[in-house]
C-alpha cells in the first residue's frame, strides 16, 4: 500500500487525526505520481537506446563486424537503419509528449485519457522492438545462407556429402534457439521495467476512476 492509499484510508476514518484530503489534493497527488512514472518511461527508453547503440559501437572492428561488412549489406542495412532510427526517435517524441501532457493536465478525465495513451505508446514501442529483432534475425539468416562464403562452402560440402538437409536444420534450429533466448530476455526486461511502471500507472488510472465515480 503506497502513501496515497494510506492517506485515503485514514481520510475515510471518522476519528482520524489527519486533515481531510479534498478532491483537488488527491488529484494533484495522483497527477504528480503519474507524471513521475511517465518521465521515467522516457528516461529508460533513452538509456535503452544508448545501451544498444553502445553495443553496436563496441562491435566495430571485431570479427563479427568484419563478417557483416564482408556480406556487403550496406544497400539494405542503411535504409533499414534509417527507418528504425526514425521510428525510435518518434517513440521518444511520443514519450516526451505524453510526459508534458500529463504534467500539464488540469482535469481527472484528461489525465485518464493521457494515461491510456501512454500505456498504448509503451505497448507499441515494445512490440516494435521485438518485431525488429525477429526481422533482423530472419534477414541475417537469409543473407548468411546466400552470401556468406563460409556458409556457402559448408552447404556445398554438405550437399556433396548428402547432408544438406541436416546442415540446414542445425543452422535454422540454432538461430531459433538463440532468437528465442534473446526475445525471452527482452520480454523479461520489458516486463520487469516497463511492466512495473505501467502497473503503477494503471493503479493511478483506477484511483482516478474512483474519484470520478
Foldseek 3Di string as FASTA:
>chain_A
DDPLVVLVVLLPDPPHPDDHDDLVRSVVVLLVLLLVLLVVVLVVLVVVVVVVVVVVVVCPPPPVNVQVVQLVCCVPVVVVVVVVVVVSVVLSVVSVVLSVQSNPDDDLVSNLVSLVSSVVSLVVVLVVVLVVLVVVLVVVVVSCCVRRPVNVVVLVVCVVVVNNVVVVVVVVVVSVVVSVVVNVVSVVVCCVRVVVSSVSSVVSSVVSVVSVD
